[in-house]
Amino acid sequence: MGLIFVLSGSWFIDVEINKVYCNLKSNVISSNRNKEVDLQYVREYQTKRDDIKHLRILLYGPVGAGKSSFINSVSSILLGRISNPAWANNSAESDKSYTKKYETHKIRKGEENSQTYYHLVFNDIMGLEEGSGSGVHPDDIKLAMKGHVKDGYTFNPVSPLSIDKSDYNPEPSADDKVHVLVCVHSANSAEIKASVLQKMKDIREAATQLGIPQIAIMTKIDEACGETEEDLKNVYKSKHLKKKMRDLSAAVGIPMNCIFPVKNYSEENVINDDVDSLILNALRCMINFVNDSINKT
C-alpha cells in the first residue's frame, strides 16, 4: 500500500497502485475490498427518483471487447451462479458480419419464476469497427443515449435510425435515457485504430454534452498479463496493465480513476471471489457516479 490521499469524505487514492476506492462506508482503507459489502450494496441499490426505476447502463466499444460477457458476468455475480442472459449476442460478438439488436438486459432477483428485478439494466450494442458502413453507427449510440431507440431495433451500419421509423421513440422518459456510458476495451487487443478512436471520441463528446457520466472497463486482464493470470490480486501490481490503462486513458480521454480492470467469466463454471471483487468495485463506483449526476436534476 502506497501513500494515501484523502480527496473528500468518500474518495481516496492509493498513489502506489494508482487506484481509486469509491464511497466506502467507513474511513478505513484496505487493499482488499469486502466483496460481500459491495455485493449487498449493488443488490440493494434503488434510485432516489420516482421517474427513474432502473439505472440504465450502455456498453459500447470495439468488436470483441467483452460487452456481452460483462453483462453475463454481472448476472452471474448477482445470482450467485454462472448465468448467460446475453449469450446469444456474446456468441457472435467477434463476427463482424453479425447484426445485433438493441436489447435491454434485466437481471432477475432469484430464479426464473421471480417477477422482481435488480434496479440495474444493461444495453448491449453492435461493436464499433473501422471505416464507415461497418459496425454500429455512432449516431445510433447518440440516439440511444437520449432514449430514442426502442428495444428490438436492428442496427444498420450504413444508415442510422431516423425519426420516421417505428423503432424511434419520440418521447423518451427519464427511465428510457442512458444514465451511464461505459467504454469496454480489451487489455489484450492491439492499439485502437484511428477511425474507431474517432468514433469513440464523437460518442464521448455527445455524452459529455448530455451530462452522462462515463467510465471504462478494461477486460481480459488475465490474457494480457501472466502475473495477473496467475493471481488476479496482482492486477494493480502489474506495470504492463498500468501502461495499458494509461494508454487507454490517453487515447479516449477517460481519467485513470475511471478505468476499471476486470476479468469476465468465460471458461469458469463456478463463481470466483477475485473475479467478483473487481467487477463489483466497478459497479459500485458506476452507481455512485450516476447518483451524483441524476440527483442534481
C-alpha atoms as a PDB file:
ATOM      1  CA  MET A   1       0.000   0.000   0.000  1.00  0.00           C
ATOM      2  CA  GLY A   2       1.376   3.380  -1.003  1.00  0.00           C
ATOM      3  CA  LEU A   3       0.680   6.858   0.254  1.00  0.00           C
ATOM      4  CA  ILE A   4      -2.991   7.633   0.840  1.00  0.00           C
ATOM      5  CA  PHE A   5      -4.524  10.979  -0.078  1.00  0.00           C
ATOM      6  CA  VAL A   6      -7.997  11.839   1.174  1.00  0.00           C
ATOM      7  CA  LEU A   7      -9.846  13.793  -1.520  1.00  0.00           C
ATOM      8  CA  SER A   8     -13.129  14.079   0.381  1.00  0.00           C
ATOM      9  CA  GLY A   9     -15.085  12.129   2.959  1.00  0.00           C
ATOM     10  CA  SER A  10     -15.703   9.333   0.470  1.00  0.00           C
ATOM     11  CA  TRP A  11     -12.831   9.289  -2.041  1.00  0.00           C
ATOM     12  CA  PHE A  12      -9.319   8.009  -1.527  1.00  0.00           C
ATOM     13  CA  ILE A  13      -6.351   7.451  -3.811  1.00  0.00           C
ATOM     14  CA  ASP A  14      -3.589   4.945  -3.196  1.00  0.00           C
ATOM     15  CA  VAL A  15      -0.692   6.523  -5.086  1.00  0.00           C
ATOM     16  CA  GLU A  16       1.469   3.433  -5.370  1.00  0.00           C
ATOM     17  CA  ILE A  17      -1.153   1.327  -7.134  1.00  0.00           C
ATOM     18  CA  ASN A  18      -2.927   4.298  -8.714  1.00  0.00           C
ATOM     19  CA  LYS A  19      -6.357   3.051  -7.682  1.00  0.00           C
ATOM     20  CA  VAL A  20      -9.444   4.893  -6.516  1.00  0.00           C
ATOM     21  CA  TYR A  21     -11.631   3.252  -3.903  1.00  0.00           C
ATOM     22  CA  CYS A  22     -15.198   4.510  -4.080  1.00  0.00           C
ATOM     23  CA  ASN A  23     -17.543   5.643  -1.372  1.00  0.00           C
ATOM     24  CA  LEU A  24     -16.555   3.339   1.460  1.00  0.00           C
ATOM     25  CA  LYS A  25     -18.988   3.284   4.376  1.00  0.00           C
ATOM     26  CA  SER A  26     -16.118   3.884   6.760  1.00  0.00           C
ATOM     27  CA  ASN A  27     -12.843   5.757   6.523  1.00  0.00           C
ATOM     28  CA  VAL A  28     -10.840   2.562   6.798  1.00  0.00           C
ATOM     29  CA  ILE A  29      -8.643   1.981   3.755  1.00  0.00           C
ATOM     30  CA  SER A  30      -7.969  -1.602   2.765  1.00  0.00           C
ATOM     31  CA  SER A  31      -6.215  -3.106  -0.249  1.00  0.00           C
ATOM     32  CA  ASN A  32      -8.732  -5.951  -0.112  1.00  0.00           C
ATOM     33  CA  ARG A  33     -12.240  -4.756  -0.808  1.00  0.00           C
ATOM     34  CA  ASN A  34     -15.007  -6.584   1.051  1.00  0.00           C
ATOM     35  CA  LYS A  35     -16.875  -8.474  -1.651  1.00  0.00           C
ATOM     36  CA  GLU A  36     -19.948  -9.093   0.475  1.00  0.00           C
ATOM     37  CA  VAL A  37     -20.306  -5.408   1.372  1.00  0.00           C
ATOM     38  CA  ASP A  38     -20.112  -4.384  -2.285  1.00  0.00           C
ATOM     39  CA  LEU A  39     -22.441  -7.195  -3.328  1.00  0.00           C
ATOM     40  CA  GLN A  40     -25.053  -6.130  -0.791  1.00  0.00           C
ATOM     41  CA  TYR A  41     -24.693  -2.511  -1.909  1.00  0.00           C
ATOM     42  CA  VAL A  42     -25.336  -3.406  -5.564  1.00  0.00           C
ATOM     43  CA  ARG A  43     -28.170  -5.804  -4.766  1.00  0.00           C
ATOM     44  CA  GLU A  44     -29.973  -3.282  -2.580  1.00  0.00           C
ATOM     45  CA  TYR A  45     -29.466  -0.301  -4.867  1.00  0.00           C
ATOM     46  CA  GLN A  46     -32.529   1.755  -5.748  1.00  0.00           C
ATOM     47  CA  THR A  47     -32.682   5.094  -7.469  1.00  0.00           C
ATOM     48  CA  LYS A  48     -33.902   8.021  -5.398  1.00  0.00           C
ATOM     49  CA  ARG A  49     -36.049   9.499  -8.164  1.00  0.00           C
ATOM     50  CA  ASP A  50     -39.623   8.366  -8.794  1.00  0.00           C
ATOM     51  CA  ASP A  51     -39.281   8.846 -12.560  1.00  0.00           C
ATOM     52  CA  ILE A  52     -36.235   6.558 -12.800  1.00  0.00           C
ATOM     53  CA  LYS A  53     -36.880   2.949 -11.827  1.00  0.00           C
ATOM     54  CA  HIS A  54     -33.695   1.477 -13.247  1.00  0.00           C
ATOM     55  CA  LEU A  55     -30.164   2.715 -13.691  1.00  0.00           C
ATOM     56  CA  ARG A  56     -29.572   2.266 -17.432  1.00  0.00           C
ATOM     57  CA  ILE A  57     -26.004   1.290 -18.380  1.00  0.00           C
ATOM     58  CA  LEU A  58     -24.997   1.478 -22.048  1.00  0.00           C
ATOM     59  CA  LEU A  59     -21.939  -0.513 -23.101  1.00  0.00           C
ATOM     60  CA  TYR A  60     -20.011   0.374 -26.252  1.00  0.00           C
ATOM     61  CA  GLY A  61     -16.614  -0.409 -27.707  1.00  0.00           C
ATOM     62  CA  PRO A  62     -14.752  -2.292 -30.437  1.00  0.00           C
ATOM     63  CA  VAL A  63     -15.974  -5.657 -31.678  1.00  0.00           C
ATOM     64  CA  GLY A  64     -14.967  -8.494 -29.350  1.00  0.00           C
ATOM     65  CA  ALA A  65     -14.119  -6.268 -26.382  1.00  0.00           C
ATOM     66  CA  GLY A  66     -16.315  -8.263 -23.991  1.00  0.00           C
ATOM     67  CA  LYS A  67     -19.514  -6.203 -23.680  1.00  0.00           C
ATOM     68  CA  SER A  68     -21.917  -9.147 -23.603  1.00  0.00           C
ATOM     69  CA  SER A  69     -19.529 -11.132 -21.408  1.00  0.00           C
ATOM     70  CA  PHE A  70     -19.539  -8.294 -18.881  1.00  0.00           C
ATOM     71  CA  ILE A  71     -23.355  -8.404 -18.713  1.00  0.00           C
ATOM     72  CA  ASN A  72     -23.222 -12.169 -18.221  1.00  0.00           C
ATOM     73  CA  SER A  73     -20.599 -11.756 -15.506  1.00  0.00           C
ATOM     74  CA  VAL A  74     -22.679  -9.201 -13.592  1.00  0.00           C
ATOM     75  CA  SER A  75     -25.694 -11.513 -13.828  1.00  0.00           C
ATOM     76  CA  SER A  76     -23.600 -14.425 -12.523  1.00  0.00           C
ATOM     77  CA  ILE A  77     -22.390 -12.414  -9.539  1.00  0.00           C
ATOM     78  CA  LEU A  78     -25.861 -11.178  -8.560  1.00  0.00           C
ATOM     79  CA  LEU A  79     -27.441 -14.630  -8.963  1.00  0.00           C
ATOM     80  CA  GLY A  80     -24.563 -16.432  -7.253  1.00  0.00           C
ATOM     81  CA  ARG A  81     -24.101 -18.854 -10.147  1.00  0.00           C
ATOM     82  CA  ILE A  82     -22.886 -18.775 -13.737  1.00  0.00           C
ATOM     83  CA  SER A  83     -25.527 -17.121 -15.904  1.00  0.00           C
ATOM     84  CA  ASN A  84     -25.576 -16.126 -19.575  1.00  0.00           C
ATOM     85  CA  PRO A  85     -28.535 -13.817 -20.332  1.00  0.00           C
ATOM     86  CA  ALA A  86     -26.608 -12.152 -23.168  1.00  0.00           C
ATOM     87  CA  TRP A  87     -25.278 -15.469 -24.503  1.00  0.00           C
ATOM     88  CA  ALA A  88     -26.817 -15.134 -27.977  1.00  0.00           C
ATOM     89  CA  ASN A  89     -25.143 -11.782 -28.522  1.00  0.00           C
ATOM     90  CA  ASN A  90     -21.920 -12.859 -26.875  1.00  0.00           C
ATOM     91  CA  SER A  91     -21.536 -15.966 -29.026  1.00  0.00           C
ATOM     92  CA  ALA A  92     -21.313 -13.828 -32.144  1.00  0.00           C
ATOM     93  CA  GLU A  93     -19.565 -10.798 -30.704  1.00  0.00           C
ATOM     94  CA  SER A  94     -16.406 -11.310 -32.736  1.00  0.00           C
ATOM     95  CA  ASP A  95     -18.268 -11.864 -36.014  1.00  0.00           C
ATOM     96  CA  LYS A  96     -18.069  -8.631 -37.984  1.00  0.00           C
ATOM     97  CA  SER A  97     -20.936  -9.620 -40.256  1.00  0.00           C
ATOM     98  CA  TYR A  98     -23.283 -10.158 -37.330  1.00  0.00           C
ATOM     99  CA  THR A  99     -26.074  -7.608 -36.904  1.00  0.00           C
ATOM    100  CA  LYS A 100     -27.115  -7.053 -33.342  1.00  0.00           C
ATOM    101  CA  LYS A 101     -30.398  -5.779 -31.980  1.00  0.00           C
ATOM    102  CA  TYR A 102     -30.810  -3.157 -29.301  1.00  0.00           C
ATOM    103  CA  GLU A 103     -31.813  -5.066 -26.197  1.00  0.00           C
ATOM    104  CA  THR A 104     -32.322  -4.190 -22.550  1.00  0.00           C
ATOM    105  CA  HIS A 105     -30.982  -6.869 -20.218  1.00  0.00           C
ATOM    106  CA  LYS A 106     -32.667  -7.077 -16.821  1.00  0.00           C
ATOM    107  CA  ILE A 107     -31.410  -9.349 -14.049  1.00  0.00           C
ATOM    108  CA  ARG A 108     -33.992 -11.257 -12.036  1.00  0.00           C
ATOM    109  CA  LYS A 109     -33.846 -11.427  -8.267  1.00  0.00           C
ATOM    110  CA  GLY A 110     -33.839 -15.159  -7.683  1.00  0.00           C
ATOM    111  CA  GLU A 111     -34.641 -17.830 -10.252  1.00  0.00           C
ATOM    112  CA  GLU A 112     -36.744 -17.790 -13.420  1.00  0.00           C
ATOM    113  CA  ASN A 113     -40.136 -17.649 -11.697  1.00  0.00           C
ATOM    114  CA  SER A 114     -39.214 -14.408  -9.928  1.00  0.00           C
ATOM    115  CA  GLN A 115     -41.067 -11.312 -11.126  1.00  0.00           C
ATOM    116  CA  THR A 116     -38.757  -8.830  -9.461  1.00  0.00           C
ATOM    117  CA  TYR A 117     -35.569  -7.400 -10.941  1.00  0.00           C
ATOM    118  CA  TYR A 118     -32.489  -5.570  -9.772  1.00  0.00           C
ATOM    119  CA  HIS A 119     -32.513  -1.811 -10.348  1.00  0.00           C
ATOM    120  CA  LEU A 120     -29.712  -2.044 -12.930  1.00  0.00           C
ATOM    121  CA  VAL A 121     -30.346  -2.645 -16.625  1.00  0.00           C
ATOM    122  CA  PHE A 122     -27.766  -3.042 -19.382  1.00  0.00           C
ATOM    123  CA  ASN A 123     -27.952  -2.166 -23.041  1.00  0.00           C
ATOM    124  CA  ASP A 124     -25.522  -4.020 -25.273  1.00  0.00           C
ATOM    125  CA  ILE A 125     -24.986  -2.788 -28.821  1.00  0.00           C
ATOM    126  CA  MET A 126     -23.216  -3.761 -32.007  1.00  0.00           C
ATOM    127  CA  GLY A 127     -19.445  -3.231 -31.847  1.00  0.00           C
ATOM    128  CA  LEU A 128     -17.527  -0.332 -33.354  1.00  0.00           C
ATOM    129  CA  GLU A 129     -15.499  -1.171 -36.458  1.00  0.00           C
ATOM    130  CA  GLU A 130     -13.082   0.540 -38.810  1.00  0.00           C
ATOM    131  CA  GLY A 131     -14.341   2.895 -41.512  1.00  0.00           C
ATOM    132  CA  SER A 132     -17.873   3.827 -42.489  1.00  0.00           C
ATOM    133  CA  GLY A 133     -20.513   1.260 -43.374  1.00  0.00           C
ATOM    134  CA  SER A 134     -19.420  -1.310 -40.789  1.00  0.00           C
ATOM    135  CA  GLY A 135     -20.171  -1.776 -37.106  1.00  0.00           C
ATOM    136  CA  VAL A 136     -22.625   0.291 -35.126  1.00  0.00           C
ATOM    137  CA  HIS A 137     -23.264   3.784 -36.475  1.00  0.00           C
ATOM    138  CA  PRO A 138     -22.195   6.397 -33.879  1.00  0.00           C
ATOM    139  CA  ASP A 139     -25.438   8.322 -34.452  1.00  0.00           C
ATOM    140  CA  ASP A 140     -27.394   5.285 -33.233  1.00  0.00           C
ATOM    141  CA  ILE A 141     -25.423   5.332 -29.980  1.00  0.00           C
ATOM    142  CA  LYS A 142     -26.172   9.037 -29.579  1.00  0.00           C
ATOM    143  CA  LEU A 143     -29.885   8.375 -30.127  1.00  0.00           C
ATOM    144  CA  ALA A 144     -29.770   5.504 -27.628  1.00  0.00           C
ATOM    145  CA  MET A 145     -28.213   7.774 -25.008  1.00  0.00           C
ATOM    146  CA  LYS A 146     -31.170  10.143 -25.398  1.00  0.00           C
ATOM    147  CA  GLY A 147     -33.657   7.264 -25.085  1.00  0.00           C
ATOM    148  CA  HIS A 148     -34.889   7.426 -28.674  1.00  0.00           C
ATOM    149  CA  VAL A 149     -34.084   3.784 -29.578  1.00  0.00           C
ATOM    150  CA  LYS A 150     -36.725   1.150 -28.816  1.00  0.00           C
ATOM    151  CA  ASP A 151     -35.886  -2.396 -27.789  1.00  0.00           C
ATOM    152  CA  GLY A 152     -35.685  -4.713 -30.780  1.00  0.00           C
ATOM    153  CA  TYR A 153     -34.212  -2.169 -33.180  1.00  0.00           C
ATOM    154  CA  THR A 154     -31.751  -3.820 -35.575  1.00  0.00           C
ATOM    155  CA  PHE A 155     -28.627  -1.734 -36.046  1.00  0.00           C
ATOM    156  CA  ASN A 156     -27.818  -0.746 -39.617  1.00  0.00           C
ATOM    157  CA  PRO A 157     -24.121   0.114 -40.091  1.00  0.00           C
ATOM    158  CA  VAL A 158     -24.894   2.171 -43.195  1.00  0.00           C
ATOM    159  CA  SER A 159     -27.951   4.123 -42.089  1.00  0.00           C
ATOM    160  CA  PRO A 160     -28.763   5.169 -38.503  1.00  0.00           C
ATOM    161  CA  LEU A 161     -32.273   5.191 -37.072  1.00  0.00           C
ATOM    162  CA  SER A 162     -34.434   8.062 -38.310  1.00  0.00           C
ATOM    163  CA  ILE A 163     -37.363   9.861 -36.711  1.00  0.00           C
ATOM    164  CA  ASP A 164     -39.884   8.392 -39.170  1.00  0.00           C
ATOM    165  CA  LYS A 165     -39.138   4.753 -38.252  1.00  0.00           C
ATOM    166  CA  SER A 166     -41.276   2.657 -35.895  1.00  0.00           C
ATOM    167  CA  ASP A 167     -38.215   1.851 -33.752  1.00  0.00           C
ATOM    168  CA  TYR A 168     -37.776   5.556 -32.953  1.00  0.00           C
ATOM    169  CA  ASN A 169     -39.082   6.609 -29.533  1.00  0.00           C
ATOM    170  CA  PRO A 170     -40.227  10.229 -29.970  1.00  0.00           C
ATOM    171  CA  GLU A 171     -40.923  10.948 -26.292  1.00  0.00           C
ATOM    172  CA  PRO A 172     -38.402   9.104 -24.114  1.00  0.00           C
ATOM    173  CA  SER A 173     -38.958   9.091 -20.369  1.00  0.00           C
ATOM    174  CA  ALA A 174     -36.206   9.654 -17.833  1.00  0.00           C
ATOM    175  CA  ASP A 175     -36.160   5.882 -17.419  1.00  0.00           C
ATOM    176  CA  ASP A 176     -35.516   5.337 -21.157  1.00  0.00           C
ATOM    177  CA  LYS A 177     -32.430   7.537 -21.212  1.00  0.00           C
ATOM    178  CA  VAL A 178     -28.926   6.244 -20.570  1.00  0.00           C
ATOM    179  CA  HIS A 179     -27.596   7.104 -17.112  1.00  0.00           C
ATOM    180  CA  VAL A 180     -24.000   5.937 -17.501  1.00  0.00           C
ATOM    181  CA  LEU A 181     -21.916   5.285 -20.622  1.00  0.00           C
ATOM    182  CA  VAL A 182     -19.335   2.513 -20.350  1.00  0.00           C
ATOM    183  CA  CYS A 183     -16.482   2.113 -22.802  1.00  0.00           C
ATOM    184  CA  VAL A 184     -15.425  -1.554 -22.930  1.00  0.00           C
ATOM    185  CA  HIS A 185     -11.927  -2.323 -24.202  1.00  0.00           C
ATOM    186  CA  SER A 186      -9.810  -5.464 -24.128  1.00  0.00           C
ATOM    187  CA  ALA A 187      -6.423  -5.272 -22.432  1.00  0.00           C
ATOM    188  CA  ASN A 188      -5.307  -7.988 -24.825  1.00  0.00           C
ATOM    189  CA  SER A 189      -6.140  -6.071 -28.004  1.00  0.00           C
ATOM    190  CA  ALA A 190      -3.883  -4.085 -30.288  1.00  0.00           C
ATOM    191  CA  GLU A 191      -3.855  -0.297 -30.443  1.00  0.00           C
ATOM    192  CA  ILE A 192      -7.246   1.191 -31.272  1.00  0.00           C
ATOM    193  CA  LYS A 193      -7.486   2.066 -34.967  1.00  0.00           C
ATOM    194  CA  ALA A 194      -7.744   5.772 -35.801  1.00  0.00           C
ATOM    195  CA  SER A 195     -11.213   5.556 -37.356  1.00  0.00           C
ATOM    196  CA  VAL A 196     -12.604   3.607 -34.385  1.00  0.00           C
ATOM    197  CA  LEU A 197     -10.948   6.020 -31.980  1.00  0.00           C
ATOM    198  CA  GLN A 198     -12.582   8.981 -33.727  1.00  0.00           C
ATOM    199  CA  LYS A 199     -15.993   7.337 -33.402  1.00  0.00           C
ATOM    200  CA  MET A 200     -15.359   6.770 -29.693  1.00  0.00           C
ATOM    201  CA  LYS A 201     -14.373  10.412 -29.217  1.00  0.00           C
ATOM    202  CA  ASP A 202     -17.519  11.601 -31.020  1.00  0.00           C
ATOM    203  CA  ILE A 203     -19.650   9.397 -28.779  1.00  0.00           C
ATOM    204  CA  ARG A 204     -17.873  10.651 -25.667  1.00  0.00           C
ATOM    205  CA  GLU A 205     -18.366  14.283 -26.661  1.00  0.00           C
ATOM    206  CA  ALA A 206     -22.090  13.684 -27.161  1.00  0.00           C
ATOM    207  CA  ALA A 207     -22.335  12.015 -23.741  1.00  0.00           C
ATOM    208  CA  THR A 208     -20.495  14.914 -22.127  1.00  0.00           C
ATOM    209  CA  GLN A 209     -22.925  17.401 -23.664  1.00  0.00           C
ATOM    210  CA  LEU A 210     -25.808  15.329 -22.286  1.00  0.00           C
ATOM    211  CA  GLY A 211     -24.233  15.227 -18.829  1.00  0.00           C
ATOM    212  CA  ILE A 212     -23.921  11.437 -18.828  1.00  0.00           C
ATOM    213  CA  PRO A 213     -21.194  10.025 -16.533  1.00  0.00           C
ATOM    214  CA  GLN A 214     -18.584   7.904 -18.319  1.00  0.00           C
ATOM    215  CA  ILE A 215     -16.238   5.151 -17.249  1.00  0.00           C
ATOM    216  CA  ALA A 216     -14.170   2.479 -18.987  1.00  0.00           C
ATOM    217  CA  ILE A 217     -13.982  -1.247 -18.333  1.00  0.00           C
ATOM    218  CA  MET A 218     -10.737  -2.958 -19.358  1.00  0.00           C
ATOM    219  CA  THR A 219     -11.447  -6.648 -19.890  1.00  0.00           C
ATOM    220  CA  LYS A 220      -9.343  -9.772 -20.437  1.00  0.00           C
ATOM    221  CA  ILE A 221      -6.654  -8.686 -17.982  1.00  0.00           C
ATOM    222  CA  ASP A 222      -5.742 -12.328 -17.374  1.00  0.00           C
ATOM    223  CA  GLU A 223      -4.979 -12.859 -21.063  1.00  0.00           C
ATOM    224  CA  ALA A 224      -2.889  -9.692 -21.262  1.00  0.00           C
ATOM    225  CA  CYS A 225      -0.636 -10.303 -18.260  1.00  0.00           C
ATOM    226  CA  GLY A 226       0.948 -13.504 -16.982  1.00  0.00           C
ATOM    227  CA  GLU A 227       1.180 -12.437 -13.344  1.00  0.00           C
ATOM    228  CA  THR A 228      -2.492 -11.432 -13.343  1.00  0.00           C
ATOM    229  CA  GLU A 229      -3.448 -14.718 -14.995  1.00  0.00           C
ATOM    230  CA  GLU A 230      -1.623 -16.481 -12.166  1.00  0.00           C
ATOM    231  CA  ASP A 231      -3.354 -14.398  -9.474  1.00  0.00           C
ATOM    232  CA  LEU A 232      -5.942 -11.670 -10.111  1.00  0.00           C
ATOM    233  CA  LYS A 233      -4.823  -9.969  -6.896  1.00  0.00           C
ATOM    234  CA  ASN A 234      -1.741  -8.876  -8.826  1.00  0.00           C
ATOM    235  CA  VAL A 235      -3.803  -6.637 -11.085  1.00  0.00           C
ATOM    236  CA  TYR A 236      -2.649  -3.352  -9.533  1.00  0.00           C
ATOM    237  CA  LYS A 237       0.950  -4.537  -9.234  1.00  0.00           C
ATOM    238  CA  SER A 238       1.246  -5.157 -12.961  1.00  0.00           C
ATOM    239  CA  LYS A 239       3.274  -2.496 -14.769  1.00  0.00           C
ATOM    240  CA  HIS A 240       2.035  -3.867 -18.076  1.00  0.00           C
ATOM    241  CA  LEU A 241      -1.631  -3.407 -17.166  1.00  0.00           C
ATOM    242  CA  LYS A 242      -0.946   0.023 -15.697  1.00  0.00           C
ATOM    243  CA  LYS A 243       0.587   1.048 -19.030  1.00  0.00           C
ATOM    244  CA  LYS A 244      -2.430  -0.377 -20.853  1.00  0.00           C
ATOM    245  CA  MET A 245      -4.724   1.700 -18.656  1.00  0.00           C
ATOM    246  CA  ARG A 246      -2.641   4.829 -19.206  1.00  0.00           C
ATOM    247  CA  ASP A 247      -2.660   4.256 -22.964  1.00  0.00           C
ATOM    248  CA  LEU A 248      -6.450   3.852 -22.942  1.00  0.00           C
ATOM    249  CA  SER A 249      -6.839   6.959 -20.820  1.00  0.00           C
ATOM    250  CA  ALA A 250      -4.719   8.995 -23.227  1.00  0.00           C
ATOM    251  CA  ALA A 251      -6.472   7.583 -26.285  1.00  0.00           C
ATOM    252  CA  VAL A 252     -10.105   8.076 -25.267  1.00  0.00           C
ATOM    253  CA  GLY A 253      -9.784  10.846 -22.674  1.00  0.00           C
ATOM    254  CA  ILE A 254     -11.189   8.912 -19.708  1.00  0.00           C
ATOM    255  CA  PRO A 255      -9.299   9.586 -16.443  1.00  0.00           C
ATOM    256  CA  MET A 256      -7.294   6.758 -14.919  1.00  0.00           C
ATOM    257  CA  ASN A 257      -9.506   6.715 -11.827  1.00  0.00           C
ATOM    258  CA  CYS A 258     -12.500   5.990 -14.079  1.00  0.00           C
ATOM    259  CA  ILE A 259     -10.902   2.949 -15.743  1.00  0.00           C
ATOM    260  CA  PHE A 260     -11.584  -0.416 -14.093  1.00  0.00           C
ATOM    261  CA  PRO A 261      -9.654  -3.573 -14.996  1.00  0.00           C
ATOM    262  CA  VAL A 262     -11.790  -6.703 -14.814  1.00  0.00           C
ATOM    263  CA  LYS A 263     -11.868 -10.323 -15.807  1.00  0.00           C
ATOM    264  CA  ASN A 264     -15.163 -11.551 -17.219  1.00  0.00           C
ATOM    265  CA  TYR A 265     -16.399 -15.074 -16.631  1.00  0.00           C
ATOM    266  CA  SER A 266     -15.516 -17.126 -19.703  1.00  0.00           C
ATOM    267  CA  GLU A 267     -14.271 -20.651 -19.010  1.00  0.00           C
ATOM    268  CA  GLU A 268     -15.413 -20.929 -15.387  1.00  0.00           C
ATOM    269  CA  ASN A 269     -18.474 -22.907 -14.310  1.00  0.00           C
ATOM    270  CA  VAL A 270     -18.471 -21.617 -10.720  1.00  0.00           C
ATOM    271  CA  ILE A 271     -18.137 -18.083  -9.411  1.00  0.00           C
ATOM    272  CA  ASN A 272     -14.852 -16.793  -8.012  1.00  0.00           C
ATOM    273  CA  ASP A 273     -14.337 -14.162  -5.304  1.00  0.00           C
ATOM    274  CA  ASP A 274     -11.430 -12.424  -7.054  1.00  0.00           C
ATOM    275  CA  VAL A 275     -13.372 -12.087 -10.315  1.00  0.00           C
ATOM    276  CA  ASP A 276     -16.412 -10.836  -8.414  1.00  0.00           C
ATOM    277  CA  SER A 277     -14.490  -8.256  -6.386  1.00  0.00           C
ATOM    278  CA  LEU A 278     -13.095  -6.429  -9.411  1.00  0.00           C
ATOM    279  CA  ILE A 279     -16.454  -6.284 -11.187  1.00  0.00           C
ATOM    280  CA  LEU A 280     -18.340  -5.263  -8.046  1.00  0.00           C
ATOM    281  CA  ASN A 281     -15.858  -2.461  -7.432  1.00  0.00           C
ATOM    282  CA  ALA A 282     -16.576  -1.143 -10.937  1.00  0.00           C
ATOM    283  CA  LEU A 283     -20.336  -1.462 -10.437  1.00  0.00           C
ATOM    284  CA  ARG A 284     -20.296   0.320  -7.103  1.00  0.00           C
ATOM    285  CA  CYS A 285     -18.328   3.238  -8.493  1.00  0.00           C
ATOM    286  CA  MET A 286     -20.637   3.301 -11.508  1.00  0.00           C
ATOM    287  CA  ILE A 287     -23.651   3.623  -9.230  1.00  0.00           C
ATOM    288  CA  ASN A 288     -22.019   6.394  -7.231  1.00  0.00           C
ATOM    289  CA  PHE A 289     -21.152   8.378 -10.356  1.00  0.00           C
ATOM    290  CA  VAL A 290     -24.729   8.101 -11.604  1.00  0.00           C
ATOM    291  CA  ASN A 291     -26.215   9.061  -8.247  1.00  0.00           C
ATOM    292  CA  ASP A 292     -24.106  12.212  -8.259  1.00  0.00           C
ATOM    293  CA  SER A 293     -25.411  13.008 -11.743  1.00  0.00           C
ATOM    294  CA  ILE A 294     -29.137  12.210 -11.626  1.00  0.00           C
ATOM    295  CA  ASN A 295     -29.662  13.667  -8.170  1.00  0.00           C
ATOM    296  CA  LYS A 296     -28.589  17.063  -9.491  1.00  0.00           C
ATOM    297  CA  THR A 297     -31.538  17.187 -11.899  1.00  0.00           C
END
